[in-house]
Amino acid sequence: MITQDNQKLVRADGTPATIGDIFITNRLKSYELTGGRPPQHPGSTGRVWVREANGGFNREFFPSVIGLKWEAI
């Protein structure tokens, strides 16, 4: 489970996301979750870090791009 600053990264159904999980975007690209940063203020969504599942580039997304969100612990 990825936790930081009293927040955890979860899927839409509330189950925890973990480093190494594979997610597919709405554009059918697959990414491996490598970490993230929770929101710094209430109007923010935070960020997640991913690597292209085929060994490609590292990227930074809004959590919603891969169906995730940060929630308070």
PDB file of N, CA and C in Angstrom:
ATOM      1  N   MET A   1       0.845  -1.169   0.000  1.00  0.00           N
ATOM      2  CA  MET A   1       0.000   0.000   0.000  1.00  0.00           C
ATOM      3  C   MET A   1       0.897   1.241   0.000  1.00  0.00           C
ATOM      4  N   ILE A   2       0.509   2.247  -0.758  1.00  0.00           N
ATOM      5  CA  ILE A   2       1.268   3.491  -0.812  1.00  0.00           C
ATOM      6  C   ILE A   2       0.610   4.492   0.133  1.00  0.00           C
ATOM      7  N   THR A   3       1.343   4.893   1.159  1.00  0.00           N
ATOM      8  CA  THR A   3       0.838   5.876   2.115  1.00  0.00           C
ATOM      9  C   THR A   3       1.869   6.979   2.297  1.00  0.00           C
ATOM     10  N   GLN A   4       1.366   8.179   2.540  1.00  0.00           N
ATOM     11  CA  GLN A   4       2.241   9.316   2.791  1.00  0.00           C
ATOM     12  C   GLN A   4       1.375  10.440   3.360  1.00  0.00           C
ATOM     13  N   ASP A   5       1.906  11.166   4.342  1.00  0.00           N
ATOM     14  CA  ASP A   5       1.207  12.323   4.919  1.00  0.00           C
ATOM     15  C   ASP A   5      -0.231  12.002   5.316  1.00  0.00           C
ATOM     16  N   ASN A   6      -0.437  10.870   5.983  1.00  0.00           N
ATOM     17  CA  ASN A   6      -1.763  10.432   6.451  1.00  0.00           C
ATOM     18  C   ASN A   6      -2.777  10.245   5.328  1.00  0.00           C
ATOM     19  N   GLN A   7      -2.302   9.881   4.159  1.00  0.00           N
ATOM     20  CA  GLN A   7      -3.180   9.573   3.036  1.00  0.00           C
ATOM     21  C   GLN A   7      -2.710   8.284   2.379  1.00  0.00           C
ATOM     22  N   LYS A   8      -3.653   7.579   1.759  1.00  0.00           N
ATOM     23  CA  LYS A   8      -3.305   6.350   1.054  1.00  0.00           C
ATOM     24  C   LYS A   8      -3.850   6.412  -0.358  1.00  0.00           C
ATOM     25  N   LEU A   9      -3.191   5.729  -1.256  1.00  0.00           N
ATOM     26  CA  LEU A   9      -3.582   5.683  -2.663  1.00  0.00           C
ATOM     27  C   LEU A   9      -4.465   4.460  -2.866  1.00  0.00           C
ATOM     28  N   VAL A  10      -5.685   4.693  -3.368  1.00  0.00           N
ATOM     29  CA  VAL A  10      -6.650   3.600  -3.529  1.00  0.00           C
ATOM     30  C   VAL A  10      -7.281   3.615  -4.916  1.00  0.00           C
ATOM     31  N   ARG A  11      -7.837   2.456  -5.281  1.00  0.00           N
ATOM     32  CA  ARG A  11      -8.615   2.330  -6.516  1.00  0.00           C
ATOM     33  C   ARG A  11     -10.023   2.877  -6.270  1.00  0.00           C
ATOM     34  N   ALA A  12     -10.822   2.955  -7.320  1.00  0.00           N
ATOM     35  CA  ALA A  12     -12.199   3.461  -7.213  1.00  0.00           C
ATOM     36  C   ALA A  12     -13.038   2.640  -6.236  1.00  0.00           C
ATOM     37  N   ASP A  13     -12.750   1.325  -6.111  1.00  0.00           N
ATOM     38  CA  ASP A  13     -13.522   0.471  -5.203  1.00  0.00           C
ATOM     39  C   ASP A  13     -12.993   0.520  -3.768  1.00  0.00           C
ATOM     40  N   GLY A  14     -11.950   1.329  -3.521  1.00  0.00           N
ATOM     41  CA  GLY A  14     -11.415   1.499  -2.167  1.00  0.00           C
ATOM     42  C   GLY A  14     -10.270   0.571  -1.803  1.00  0.00           C
ATOM     43  N   THR A  15      -9.922  -0.369  -2.681  1.00  0.00           N
ATOM     44  CA  THR A  15      -8.807  -1.262  -2.368  1.00  0.00           C
ATOM     45  C   THR A  15      -7.482  -0.522  -2.565  1.00  0.00           C
ATOM     46  N   PRO A  16      -6.502  -0.810  -1.723  1.00  0.00           N
ATOM     47  CA  PRO A  16      -5.220  -0.099  -1.814  1.00  0.00           C
ATOM     48  C   PRO A  16      -4.455  -0.407  -3.104  1.00  0.00           C
ATOM     49  N   ALA A  17      -3.775   0.603  -3.601  1.00  0.00           N
ATOM     50  CA  ALA A  17      -2.873   0.429  -4.749  1.00  0.00           C
ATOM     51  C   ALA A  17      -1.472   0.180  -4.201  1.00  0.00           C
ATOM     52  N   THR A  18      -0.714  -0.668  -4.869  1.00  0.00           N
ATOM     53  CA  THR A  18       0.645  -0.967  -4.430  1.00  0.00           C
ATOM     54  C   THR A  18       1.631  -0.786  -5.574  1.00  0.00           C
ATOM     55  N   ILE A  19       2.865  -0.531  -5.203  1.00  0.00           N
ATOM     56  CA  ILE A  19       3.924  -0.392  -6.200  1.00  0.00           C
ATOM     57  C   ILE A  19       4.022  -1.697  -6.983  1.00  0.00           C
ATOM     58  N   GLY A  20       4.097  -1.578  -8.288  1.00  0.00           N
ATOM     59  CA  GLY A  20       4.174  -2.741  -9.160  1.00  0.00           C
ATOM     60  C   GLY A  20       2.853  -3.109  -9.811  1.00  0.00           C
ATOM     61  N   ASP A  21       1.733  -2.542  -9.304  1.00  0.00           N
ATOM     62  CA  ASP A  21       0.438  -2.803  -9.927  1.00  0.00           C
ATOM     63  C   ASP A  21       0.453  -2.281 -11.369  1.00  0.00           C
ATOM     64  N   ILE A  22      -0.231  -2.983 -12.248  1.00  0.00           N
ATOM     65  CA  ILE A  22      -0.340  -2.573 -13.648  1.00  0.00           C
ATOM     66  C   ILE A  22      -1.730  -1.972 -13.872  1.00  0.00           C
ATOM     67  N   PHE A  23      -1.760  -0.823 -14.535  1.00  0.00           N
ATOM     68  CA  PHE A  23      -3.010  -0.130 -14.836  1.00  0.00           C
ATOM     69  C   PHE A  23      -3.066   0.167 -16.324  1.00  0.00           C
ATOM     70  N   ILE A  24      -4.280   0.176 -16.860  1.00  0.00           N
ATOM     71  CA  ILE A  24      -4.490   0.479 -18.277  1.00  0.00           C
ATOM     72  C   ILE A  24      -5.300   1.766 -18.377  1.00  0.00           C
ATOM     73  N   THR A  25      -4.811   2.713 -19.167  1.00  0.00           N
ATOM     74  CA  THR A  25      -5.506   3.984 -19.337  1.00  0.00           C
ATOM     75  C   THR A  25      -6.657   3.820 -20.320  1.00  0.00           C
ATOM     76  N   ASN A  26      -7.462   4.880 -20.441  1.00  0.00           N
ATOM     77  CA  ASN A  26      -8.568   4.842 -21.400  1.00  0.00           C
ATOM     78  C   ASN A  26      -8.059   4.826 -22.840  1.00  0.00           C
ATOM     79  N   ARG A  27      -6.775   5.074 -23.039  1.00  0.00           N
ATOM     80  CA  ARG A  27      -6.172   4.973 -24.386  1.00  0.00           C
ATOM     81  C   ARG A  27      -5.496   3.619 -24.605  1.00  0.00           C
ATOM     82  N   LEU A  28      -5.789   2.688 -23.704  1.00  0.00           N
ATOM     83  CA  LEU A  28      -5.312   1.304 -23.777  1.00  0.00           C
ATOM     84  C   LEU A  28      -3.796   1.180 -23.704  1.00  0.00           C
ATOM     85  N   LYS A  29      -3.149   2.088 -22.982  1.00  0.00           N
ATOM     86  CA  LYS A  29      -1.722   1.961 -22.700  1.00  0.00           C
ATOM     87  C   LYS A  29      -1.585   1.423 -21.285  1.00  0.00           C
ATOM     88  N   SER A  30      -0.644   0.518 -21.070  1.00  0.00           N
ATOM     89  CA  SER A  30      -0.475  -0.056 -19.733  1.00  0.00           C
ATOM     90  C   SER A  30       0.753   0.553 -19.054  1.00  0.00           C
ATOM     91  N   TYR A  31       0.590   0.790 -17.745  1.00  0.00           N
ATOM     92  CA  TYR A  31       1.625   1.415 -16.931  1.00  0.00           C
ATOM     93  C   TYR A  31       1.766   0.679 -15.604  1.00  0.00           C
ATOM     94  N   GLU A  32       2.988   0.628 -15.116  1.00  0.00           N
ATOM     95  CA  GLU A  32       3.285   0.042 -13.811  1.00  0.00           C
ATOM     96  C   GLU A  32       3.411   1.181 -12.803  1.00  0.00           C
ATOM     97  N   LEU A  33       2.710   1.083 -11.689  1.00  0.00           N
ATOM     98  CA  LEU A  33       2.744   2.099 -10.648  1.00  0.00           C
ATOM     99  C   LEU A  33       4.086   2.037  -9.907  1.00  0.00           C
ATOM    100  N   THR A  34       4.765   3.186  -9.791  1.00  0.00           N
ATOM    101  CA  THR A  34       6.060   3.220  -9.106  1.00  0.00           C
ATOM    102  C   THR A  34       6.058   4.099  -7.862  1.00  0.00           C
ATOM    103  N   GLY A  35       5.003   4.889  -7.654  1.00  0.00           N
ATOM    104  CA  GLY A  35       4.929   5.735  -6.464  1.00  0.00           C
ATOM    105  C   GLY A  35       3.962   6.878  -6.668  1.00  0.00           C
ATOM    106  N   GLY A  36       4.044   7.864  -5.771  1.00  0.00           N
ATOM    107  CA  GLY A  36       3.149   8.998  -5.899  1.00  0.00           C
ATOM    108  C   GLY A  36       3.377  10.041  -4.828  1.00  0.00           C
ATOM    109  N   ARG A  37       2.656  11.136  -4.980  1.00  0.00           N
ATOM    110  CA  ARG A  37       2.718  12.245  -4.027  1.00  0.00           C
ATOM    111  C   ARG A  37       1.282  12.683  -3.746  1.00  0.00           C
ATOM    112  N   PRO A  38       0.847  12.656  -2.468  1.00  0.00           N
ATOM    113  CA  PRO A  38      -0.520  13.051  -2.152  1.00  0.00           C
ATOM    114  C   PRO A  38      -0.737  14.546  -2.354  1.00  0.00           C
ATOM    115  N   PRO A  39      -1.989  14.979  -2.388  1.00  0.00           N
ATOM    116  CA  PRO A  39      -2.283  16.394  -2.558  1.00  0.00           C
ATOM    117  C   PRO A  39      -1.686  17.228  -1.431  1.00  0.00           C
ATOM    118  N   GLN A  40      -1.211  18.408  -1.768  1.00  0.00           N
ATOM    119  CA  GLN A  40      -0.623  19.299  -0.778  1.00  0.00           C
ATOM    120  C   GLN A  40      -1.653  20.259  -0.190  1.00  0.00           C
ATOM    121  N   HIS A  41      -2.815  20.404  -0.834  1.00  0.00           N
ATOM    122  CA  HIS A  41      -3.888  21.252  -0.320  1.00  0.00           C
ATOM    123  C   HIS A  41      -5.223  20.693  -0.819  1.00  0.00           C
ATOM    124  N   PRO A  42      -6.339  21.087  -0.226  1.00  0.00           N
ATOM    125  CA  PRO A  42      -7.642  20.477  -0.551  1.00  0.00           C
ATOM    126  C   PRO A  42      -8.057  20.556  -2.020  1.00  0.00           C
ATOM    127  N   GLY A  43      -7.620  21.536  -2.768  1.00  0.00           N
ATOM    128  CA  GLY A  43      -8.005  21.665  -4.163  1.00  0.00           C
ATOM    129  C   GLY A  43      -7.167  20.846  -5.122  1.00  0.00           C
ATOM    130  N   SER A  44      -6.214  20.086  -4.621  1.00  0.00           N
ATOM    131  CA  SER A  44      -5.297  19.308  -5.454  1.00  0.00           C
ATOM    132  C   SER A  44      -5.693  17.837  -5.456  1.00  0.00           C
ATOM    133  N   THR A  45      -5.231  17.099  -6.467  1.00  0.00           N
ATOM    134  CA  THR A  45      -5.489  15.650  -6.534  1.00  0.00           C
ATOM    135  C   THR A  45      -4.235  14.831  -6.271  1.00  0.00           C
ATOM    136  N   GLY A  46      -3.089  15.503  -6.137  1.00  0.00           N
ATOM    137  CA  GLY A  46      -1.836  14.784  -5.997  1.00  0.00           C
ATOM    138  C   GLY A  46      -1.376  14.255  -7.345  1.00  0.00           C
ATOM    139  N   ARG A  47      -0.376  13.403  -7.305  1.00  0.00           N
ATOM    140  CA  ARG A  47       0.183  12.822  -8.535  1.00  0.00           C
ATOM    141  C   ARG A  47       0.546  11.360  -8.280  1.00  0.00           C
ATOM    142  N   VAL A  48       0.660  10.612  -9.360  1.00  0.00           N
ATOM    143  CA  VAL A  48       1.192   9.249  -9.297  1.00  0.00           C
ATOM    144  C   VAL A  48       2.306   9.131 -10.304  1.00  0.00           C
ATOM    145  N   TRP A  49       3.258   8.279 -10.007  1.00  0.00           N
ATOM    146  CA  TRP A  49       4.385   8.046 -10.900  1.00  0.00           C
ATOM    147  C   TRP A  49       4.260   6.644 -11.464  1.00  0.00           C
ATOM    148  N   VAL A  50       4.474   6.532 -12.751  1.00  0.00           N
ATOM    149  CA  VAL A  50       4.343   5.249 -13.440  1.00  0.00           C
ATOM    150  C   VAL A  50       5.485   5.065 -14.428  1.00  0.00           C
ATOM    151  N   ARG A  51       5.650   3.831 -14.844  1.00  0.00           N
ATOM    152  CA  ARG A  51       6.613   3.488 -15.898  1.00  0.00           C
ATOM    153  C   ARG A  51       5.832   2.708 -16.947  1.00  0.00           C
ATOM    154  N   GLU A  52       6.086   2.991 -18.198  1.00  0.00           N
ATOM    155  CA  GLU A  52       5.417   2.235 -19.249  1.00  0.00           C
ATOM    156  C   GLU A  52       5.698   0.751 -19.038  1.00  0.00           C
ATOM    157  N   ALA A  53       4.657  -0.056 -19.099  1.00  0.00           N
ATOM    158  CA  ALA A  53       4.787  -1.480 -18.784  1.00  0.00           C
ATOM    159  C   ALA A  53       5.726  -2.220 -19.725  1.00  0.00           C
ATOM    160  N   ASN A  54       5.966  -1.677 -20.903  1.00  0.00           N
ATOM    161  CA  ASN A  54       6.874  -2.343 -21.837  1.00  0.00           C
ATOM    162  C   ASN A  54       8.329  -1.936 -21.602  1.00  0.00           C
ATOM    163  N   GLY A  55       8.610  -1.321 -20.453  1.00  0.00           N
ATOM    164  CA  GLY A  55       9.976  -0.917 -20.135  1.00  0.00           C
ATOM    165  C   GLY A  55      10.332   0.453 -20.662  1.00  0.00           C
ATOM    166  N   GLY A  56       9.323   1.226 -21.040  1.00  0.00           N
ATOM    167  CA  GLY A  56       9.552   2.544 -21.621  1.00  0.00           C
ATOM    168  C   GLY A  56       9.803   3.622 -20.582  1.00  0.00           C
ATOM    169  N   PHE A  57       9.319   4.806 -20.884  1.00  0.00           N
ATOM    170  CA  PHE A  57       9.613   5.994 -20.100  1.00  0.00           C
ATOM    171  C   PHE A  57       8.831   6.068 -18.795  1.00  0.00           C
ATOM    172  N   ASN A  58       9.410   6.787 -17.824  1.00  0.00           N
ATOM    173  CA  ASN A  58       8.709   7.122 -16.595  1.00  0.00           C
ATOM    174  C   ASN A  58       7.802   8.307 -16.883  1.00  0.00           C
ATOM    175  N   ARG A  59       6.642   8.349 -16.233  1.00  0.00           N
ATOM    176  CA  ARG A  59       5.675   9.422 -16.436  1.00  0.00           C
ATOM    177  C   ARG A  59       5.086   9.834 -15.097  1.00  0.00           C
ATOM    178  N   GLU A  60       4.458  10.994 -15.066  1.00  0.00           N
ATOM    179  CA  GLU A  60       3.730  11.470 -13.898  1.00  0.00           C
ATOM    180  C   GLU A  60       2.323  11.817 -14.355  1.00  0.00           C
ATOM    181  N   PHE A  61       1.305  11.283 -13.646  1.00  0.00           N
ATOM    182  CA  PHE A  61      -0.086  11.489 -14.015  1.00  0.00           C
ATOM    183  C   PHE A  61      -0.878  12.010 -12.829  1.00  0.00           C
ATOM    184  N   PHE A  62      -2.068  12.584 -13.136  1.00  0.00           N
ATOM    185  CA  PHE A  62      -3.080  12.753 -12.114  1.00  0.00           C
ATOM    186  C   PHE A  62      -3.559  11.348 -11.779  1.00  0.00           C
ATOM    187  N   PRO A  63      -3.869  11.045 -10.532  1.00  0.00           N
ATOM    188  CA  PRO A  63      -4.292   9.683 -10.178  1.00  0.00           C
ATOM    189  C   PRO A  63      -5.492   9.172 -10.978  1.00  0.00           C
ATOM    190  N   SER A  64      -6.413  10.066 -11.321  1.00  0.00           N
ATOM    191  CA  SER A  64      -7.627   9.638 -12.022  1.00  0.00           C
ATOM    192  C   SER A  64      -7.344   9.062 -13.407  1.00  0.00           C
ATOM    193  N   VAL A  65      -6.195   9.367 -13.995  1.00  0.00           N
ATOM    194  CA  VAL A  65      -5.851   8.844 -15.327  1.00  0.00           C
ATOM    195  C   VAL A  65      -5.800   7.322 -15.308  1.00  0.00           C
ATOM    196  N   ILE A  66      -5.388   6.760 -14.170  1.00  0.00           N
ATOM    197  CA  ILE A  66      -5.335   5.293 -14.069  1.00  0.00           C
ATOM    198  C   ILE A  66      -6.333   4.769 -13.028  1.00  0.00           C
ATOM    199  N   GLY A  67      -7.367   5.567 -12.735  1.00  0.00           N
ATOM    200  CA  GLY A  67      -8.446   5.089 -11.863  1.00  0.00           C
ATOM    201  C   GLY A  67      -8.115   5.072 -10.382  1.00  0.00           C
ATOM    202  N   LEU A  68      -7.207   5.944  -9.941  1.00  0.00           N
ATOM    203  CA  LEU A  68      -6.829   5.992  -8.531  1.00  0.00           C
ATOM    204  C   LEU A  68      -7.215   7.330  -7.905  1.00  0.00           C
ATOM    205  N   LYS A  69      -7.163   7.376  -6.573  1.00  0.00           N
ATOM    206  CA  LYS A  69      -7.359   8.615  -5.842  1.00  0.00           C
ATOM    207  C   LYS A  69      -6.669   8.498  -4.484  1.00  0.00           C
ATOM    208  N   TRP A  70      -6.312   9.641  -3.915  1.00  0.00           N
ATOM    209  CA  TRP A  70      -5.750   9.692  -2.576  1.00  0.00           C
ATOM    210  C   TRP A  70      -6.908   9.898  -1.611  1.00  0.00           C
ATOM    211  N   GLU A  71      -6.892   9.163  -0.476  1.00  0.00           N
ATOM    212  CA  GLU A  71      -7.901   9.393   0.546  1.00  0.00           C
ATOM    213  C   GLU A  71      -7.247   9.367   1.923  1.00  0.00           C
ATOM    214  N   ALA A  72      -7.872  10.060   2.864  1.00  0.00           N
ATOM    215  CA  ALA A  72      -7.330  10.155   4.231  1.00  0.00           C
ATOM    216  C   ALA A  72      -7.353   8.786   4.910  1.00  0.00           C
ATOM    217  N   ILE A  73      -6.342   8.561   5.724  1.00  0.00           N
ATOM    218  CA  ILE A  73      -6.253   7.297   6.482  1.00  0.00           C
ATOM    219  C   ILE A  73      -7.093   7.436   7.729  1.00  0.00           C
TER     220      ILE A  73
END
